[in-house]
């Protein structure tokens, strides 16, 4: 929303359960409400950021996951198609099995958990049944955001409170600063660059190393971070271990640069300072996906 507004675009933001001042409450499962707001606003583009993000929760509730990740977004896309709106859908590196990353757009998906399966199913429907679509695959998105749910925010809460947080040492991927992701997404829509794109940061790292870097940039001791192999963490859903994304295609056509982890964290600290106002409201969620 900030990037759209900075670019001079009129935009309407929505939320479902976490109220945001100035935004409109919307549940993608309520087709009447979705149709009403789309027909009233008549957007040129719809950015679909909604959906379940916890792989473990998806594994436990596959029917709900499909409704949240596939049915809701596709229903929104169908309503948008009636007024000629472009549709940008956020997918994930979890559509891959993590055996041979980093991956390019042409690599064949082979998801190993329900979350990835649902993302891939939505991708296939968009590609087969729609024309004005953009699919963005991304991974480990972090940065300032109102709920403080992303991996960097969770690490900072753990470091600030000295509360132990178990972090995998063998899950390797890009890390993606949310402002870069937003700018690149808006540029794709502004220029009507339809298609499938990998949008992620420029370097690959394991989660534990990324956690230590977060602490370093923000000036915290990383001692609360406890390194573990994924097999030792008893996570409910299997994780792709090497699920990095190659972004050459996107960087070839975009003016927006997708930077590395240290650059993104420095910008994150500059934007929010060392103040974590949500630290008292949010707990540490070991089901993070980033």
Protein backbone atom coordinates (compact mmCIF):
# COMPACT_ATOMS: atom_id res chain seq x y z
CA UNK A 1 0.00 0.00 0.00
CA UNK A 2 2.83 2.41 0.80
CA UNK A 3 4.54 1.68 -2.50
CA UNK A 4 1.32 2.12 -4.46
CA UNK A 5 0.58 5.42 -2.74
CA UNK A 6 4.14 6.65 -3.28
CA UNK A 7 3.67 5.90 -6.97
CA UNK A 8 0.55 8.06 -7.16
CA UNK A 9 -1.89 5.16 -7.44
CA UNK A 10 -5.29 5.12 -5.80
CA UNK A 11 -5.50 1.95 -3.75
CA UNK A 12 -7.83 0.19 -1.32
CA UNK A 13 -6.33 -2.08 1.32
CA UNK A 14 -8.18 -4.92 3.00
CA UNK A 15 -7.80 -7.07 6.10
CA UNK A 16 -9.66 -10.00 7.61
CA UNK A 17 -8.87 -10.46 11.31
CA UNK A 18 -6.18 -7.90 12.18
CA UNK A 19 -7.86 -4.51 11.95
CA UNK A 20 -5.91 -1.76 10.17
CA UNK A 21 -7.17 1.82 10.26
CA UNK A 22 -8.34 2.97 6.85
CA UNK A 23 -8.53 -0.55 5.42
CA UNK A 24 -11.70 -2.48 4.53
CA UNK A 25 -12.56 -5.76 6.23
CA UNK A 26 -12.81 -8.56 3.69
CA UNK A 27 -12.96 -12.35 3.84
CA UNK A 28 -12.16 -14.03 0.52
CA UNK A 29 -14.49 -16.88 1.49
CA UNK A 30 -17.42 -14.43 1.41
CA UNK A 31 -18.00 -14.22 -2.34
CA UNK A 32 -20.77 -11.62 -2.06
CA UNK A 33 -18.55 -9.23 -0.14
CA UNK A 34 -15.69 -9.84 -2.57
CA UNK A 35 -17.92 -9.14 -5.57
CA UNK A 36 -19.32 -6.03 -3.92
CA UNK A 37 -15.95 -4.42 -3.22
CA UNK A 38 -14.46 -5.35 -6.61
CA UNK A 39 -17.46 -3.94 -8.47
CA UNK A 40 -17.43 -0.79 -6.34
CA UNK A 41 -13.70 -0.09 -6.59
CA UNK A 42 -13.24 -1.47 -10.13
CA UNK A 43 -9.46 -1.85 -9.76
CA UNK A 44 -7.03 -2.09 -12.67
CA UNK A 45 -5.02 -4.62 -10.63
CA UNK A 46 -5.70 -6.89 -7.68
CA UNK A 47 -2.77 -7.91 -5.46
CA UNK A 48 -3.76 -11.11 -3.67
CA UNK A 49 -1.67 -11.34 -0.48
CA UNK A 50 -4.19 -13.40 1.49
CA UNK A 51 -3.88 -17.05 2.51
CA UNK A 52 -2.63 -19.42 5.21
CA UNK A 53 1.13 -19.06 5.70
CA UNK A 54 1.95 -21.73 8.28
CA UNK A 55 2.99 -24.97 6.59
CA UNK A 56 2.28 -26.90 9.79
CA UNK A 57 -1.27 -25.53 10.05
CA UNK A 58 -1.87 -26.40 6.40
CA UNK A 59 -0.68 -29.96 7.02
CA UNK A 60 -3.10 -30.31 9.93
CA UNK A 61 -6.06 -28.76 8.07
CA UNK A 62 -5.68 -29.53 4.35
CA UNK A 63 -9.29 -28.72 3.46
CA UNK A 64 -9.04 -25.32 5.11
CA UNK A 65 -5.68 -24.73 3.45
CA UNK A 66 -7.15 -25.40 0.03
CA UNK A 67 -10.04 -23.05 0.71
CA UNK A 68 -7.72 -20.29 1.90
CA UNK A 69 -4.93 -20.67 -0.68
CA UNK A 70 -6.77 -21.92 -3.77
CA UNK A 71 -10.53 -21.36 -3.66
CA UNK A 72 -10.51 -17.86 -2.15
CA UNK A 73 -7.86 -16.35 -4.45
CA UNK A 74 -9.24 -18.04 -7.59
CA UNK A 75 -12.74 -16.80 -6.76
CA UNK A 76 -11.33 -13.30 -6.40
CA UNK A 77 -9.51 -13.63 -9.72
CA UNK A 78 -12.73 -14.73 -11.44
CA UNK A 79 -14.61 -11.69 -10.14
CA UNK A 80 -11.74 -9.42 -11.16
CA UNK A 81 -11.68 -10.93 -14.64
CA UNK A 82 -15.25 -9.74 -15.23
CA UNK A 83 -14.13 -6.11 -14.99
CA UNK A 84 -10.82 -6.64 -16.80
CA UNK A 85 -8.58 -6.39 -13.73
CA UNK A 86 -5.09 -7.85 -13.74
CA UNK A 87 -4.41 -10.34 -10.96
CA UNK A 88 -1.13 -10.74 -9.07
CA UNK A 89 -0.89 -13.89 -6.97
CA UNK A 90 1.85 -14.53 -4.40
CA UNK A 91 3.18 -18.07 -4.49
CA UNK A 92 6.16 -19.67 -2.80
CA UNK A 93 9.42 -21.53 -3.22
CA UNK A 94 7.60 -24.33 -1.39
CA UNK A 95 6.20 -25.48 -4.73
CA UNK A 96 9.62 -27.19 -5.08
CA UNK A 97 10.89 -30.21 -3.17
CA UNK A 98 14.15 -28.55 -2.13
CA UNK A 99 16.39 -31.29 -3.51
CA UNK A 100 18.19 -29.21 -6.12
CA UNK A 101 17.69 -25.49 -5.46
CA UNK A 102 18.04 -22.72 -6.24
CA UNK A 103 15.33 -22.97 -8.88
CA UNK A 104 14.49 -21.06 -12.06
CA UNK A 105 10.96 -20.44 -13.32
CA UNK A 106 11.21 -23.28 -15.84
CA UNK A 107 11.98 -25.95 -13.23
CA UNK A 108 9.16 -28.41 -12.61
CA UNK A 109 7.41 -27.98 -9.25
CA UNK A 110 7.19 -30.98 -6.94
CA UNK A 111 5.77 -29.82 -3.59
CA UNK A 112 6.29 -32.01 -0.54
CA UNK A 113 3.74 -30.45 1.80
CA UNK A 114 0.12 -29.30 1.67
CA UNK A 115 1.05 -25.61 1.65
CA UNK A 116 3.21 -26.04 -1.45
CA UNK A 117 0.64 -28.29 -3.11
CA UNK A 118 -2.06 -25.65 -2.67
CA UNK A 119 0.15 -22.86 -4.00
CA UNK A 120 1.01 -24.93 -7.04
CA UNK A 121 -2.64 -25.83 -7.65
CA UNK A 122 -3.57 -22.13 -7.64
CA UNK A 123 -0.70 -21.39 -10.01
CA UNK A 124 -1.89 -24.01 -12.50
CA UNK A 125 -5.47 -22.74 -12.49
CA UNK A 126 -4.35 -19.15 -13.08
CA UNK A 127 -2.12 -20.15 -15.96
CA UNK A 128 -4.75 -22.34 -17.63
CA UNK A 129 -7.89 -20.27 -17.16
CA UNK A 130 -6.80 -16.62 -17.07
CA UNK A 131 -4.96 -14.17 -19.32
CA UNK A 132 -4.05 -11.09 -17.26
CA UNK A 133 -2.10 -12.77 -14.48
CA UNK A 134 1.21 -12.44 -12.68
CA UNK A 135 2.46 -15.18 -10.39
CA UNK A 136 5.21 -14.13 -7.98
CA UNK A 137 7.13 -16.84 -6.17
CA UNK A 138 9.02 -15.57 -3.18
CA UNK A 139 10.59 -16.86 0.04
CA UNK A 140 11.41 -15.75 3.62
CA UNK A 141 9.80 -12.33 3.37
CA UNK A 142 10.84 -10.03 6.24
CA UNK A 143 10.71 -6.38 7.20
CA UNK A 144 8.55 -3.90 9.10
CA UNK A 145 4.88 -4.92 9.19
CA UNK A 146 2.04 -4.21 11.57
CA UNK A 147 1.61 -7.70 13.02
CA UNK A 148 5.31 -8.50 13.41
CA UNK A 149 4.79 -12.10 12.26
CA UNK A 150 7.72 -12.56 9.92
CA UNK A 151 10.95 -14.39 10.76
CA UNK A 152 13.04 -11.28 11.39
CA UNK A 153 10.47 -9.89 13.82
CA UNK A 154 10.31 -13.20 15.67
CA UNK A 155 14.09 -13.36 15.98
CA UNK A 156 14.16 -9.80 17.34
CA UNK A 157 11.50 -10.62 19.94
CA UNK A 158 13.45 -13.69 21.04
CA UNK A 159 16.73 -11.76 21.22
CA UNK A 160 15.19 -8.85 23.08
CA UNK A 161 13.50 -11.09 25.64
CA UNK A 162 16.36 -13.63 25.83
CA UNK A 163 13.76 -16.33 25.14
CA UNK A 164 15.12 -19.42 23.38
CA UNK A 165 14.14 -19.87 19.74
CA UNK A 166 15.00 -23.03 17.80
CA UNK A 167 16.16 -22.23 14.27
CA UNK A 168 17.04 -24.69 11.46
CA UNK A 169 20.60 -24.75 10.14
CA UNK A 170 19.84 -26.75 7.00
CA UNK A 171 16.96 -24.82 5.41
CA UNK A 172 18.70 -22.70 2.80
CA UNK A 173 17.07 -20.05 0.61
CA UNK A 174 17.00 -16.40 -0.33
CA UNK A 175 15.71 -13.83 2.13
CA UNK A 176 13.42 -11.12 0.76
CA UNK A 177 12.99 -7.59 2.11
CA UNK A 178 9.29 -6.79 1.92
CA UNK A 179 9.78 -3.27 0.54
CA UNK A 180 11.81 -4.69 -2.39
CA UNK A 181 9.11 -7.29 -3.01
CA UNK A 182 6.40 -4.62 -2.98
CA UNK A 183 8.27 -2.32 -5.35
CA UNK A 184 9.02 -5.13 -7.79
CA UNK A 185 5.40 -6.32 -7.65
CA UNK A 186 4.04 -2.87 -8.36
CA UNK A 187 6.47 -2.41 -11.23
CA UNK A 188 5.28 -5.68 -12.81
CA UNK A 189 1.69 -4.44 -12.64
CA UNK A 190 2.48 -0.91 -13.84
CA UNK A 191 4.21 -2.29 -16.91
CA UNK A 192 1.72 -5.13 -17.50
CA UNK A 193 4.54 -7.68 -17.37
CA UNK A 194 2.34 -10.76 -17.20
CA UNK A 195 3.79 -14.17 -16.41
CA UNK A 196 5.62 -16.14 -13.73
CA UNK A 197 8.48 -14.46 -11.87
CA UNK A 198 10.79 -15.35 -9.01
CA UNK A 199 11.16 -12.31 -6.74
CA UNK A 200 13.56 -12.80 -3.84
CA UNK A 201 16.72 -11.39 -2.33
CA UNK A 202 20.05 -11.74 -4.08
CA UNK A 203 21.83 -14.11 -1.68
CA UNK A 204 21.15 -17.56 -0.22
CA UNK A 205 21.66 -18.43 3.43
CA UNK A 206 20.42 -20.86 6.05
CA UNK A 207 17.87 -19.70 8.60
CA UNK A 208 20.25 -19.84 11.55
CA UNK A 209 22.89 -17.72 9.81
CA UNK A 210 20.18 -15.26 8.80
CA UNK A 211 18.99 -15.12 12.39
CA UNK A 212 22.48 -14.33 13.62
CA UNK A 213 22.79 -11.59 11.01
CA UNK A 214 19.50 -10.08 12.17
CA UNK A 215 20.82 -9.92 15.72
CA UNK A 216 24.11 -8.44 14.55
CA UNK A 217 22.52 -5.64 12.53
CA UNK A 218 20.10 -4.73 15.33
CA UNK A 219 22.76 -4.99 18.05
CA UNK A 220 21.44 -8.01 19.95
CA UNK A 221 23.15 -11.12 21.30
CA UNK A 222 22.25 -14.13 19.17
CA UNK A 223 22.63 -16.56 22.10
CA UNK A 224 18.84 -17.21 22.36
CA UNK A 225 18.93 -18.75 18.87
CA UNK A 226 19.39 -22.50 19.15
CA UNK A 227 20.63 -24.19 15.94
CA UNK A 228 19.01 -27.47 14.99
CA UNK A 229 18.71 -29.68 11.95
CA UNK A 230 15.23 -29.82 10.49
CA UNK A 231 14.95 -33.52 11.31
CA UNK A 232 15.38 -32.67 15.00
CA UNK A 233 12.70 -29.97 15.10
CA UNK A 234 9.58 -32.15 14.81
CA UNK A 235 7.84 -29.70 12.49
CA UNK A 236 4.45 -30.90 11.33
CA UNK A 237 5.05 -30.39 7.62
CA UNK A 238 8.11 -31.52 5.68
CA UNK A 239 10.31 -28.63 4.56
CA UNK A 240 12.19 -28.25 1.28
CA UNK A 241 15.77 -27.82 2.47
CA UNK A 242 17.29 -26.10 -0.57
CA UNK A 243 14.43 -24.01 -1.87
CA UNK A 244 16.24 -20.92 -3.09
CA UNK A 245 15.02 -19.02 -6.15
CA UNK A 246 17.02 -17.75 -9.12
CA UNK A 247 15.82 -14.22 -9.94
CA UNK A 248 17.73 -13.61 -13.18
CA UNK A 249 14.56 -13.41 -15.26
CA UNK A 250 12.96 -10.75 -13.08
CA UNK A 251 16.15 -8.73 -12.69
CA UNK A 252 16.61 -8.72 -16.45
CA UNK A 253 13.29 -6.94 -17.04
CA UNK A 254 12.81 -4.91 -13.84
CA UNK A 255 14.29 -1.60 -12.78
CA UNK A 256 13.69 -2.53 -9.13
CA UNK A 257 16.74 -4.14 -7.57
CA UNK A 258 16.36 -7.06 -5.17
CA UNK A 259 19.13 -6.68 -2.61
CA UNK A 260 20.83 -9.03 -0.19
CA UNK A 261 20.08 -9.77 3.45
CA UNK A 262 22.45 -7.32 5.10
CA UNK A 263 21.28 -4.44 2.94
CA UNK A 264 17.65 -5.27 3.66
CA UNK A 265 18.19 -5.54 7.41
CA UNK A 266 20.03 -2.22 7.55
CA UNK A 267 17.14 -0.58 5.73
CA UNK A 268 14.68 -2.33 8.06
CA UNK A 269 16.49 -0.98 11.13
CA UNK A 270 16.67 2.49 9.62
CA UNK A 271 12.94 2.45 8.93
CA UNK A 272 11.79 1.18 12.30
CA UNK A 273 14.73 2.05 14.54
CA UNK A 274 15.27 -0.35 17.41
CA UNK A 275 11.71 0.06 18.60
CA UNK A 276 9.57 -3.09 18.50
CA UNK A 277 6.14 -1.82 19.62
CA UNK A 278 4.50 -5.19 18.95
CA UNK A 279 6.94 -7.14 21.15
CA UNK A 280 4.50 -7.30 24.07
CA UNK A 281 1.54 -8.40 21.95
CA UNK A 282 3.00 -11.21 19.89
CA UNK A 283 4.47 -14.51 21.02
CA UNK A 284 7.11 -16.56 19.28
CA UNK A 285 5.53 -18.86 16.74
CA UNK A 286 7.71 -21.84 15.81
CA UNK A 287 5.48 -22.39 12.77
CA UNK A 288 6.87 -19.33 10.97
CA UNK A 289 7.41 -19.50 7.26
CA UNK A 290 8.92 -16.04 6.83
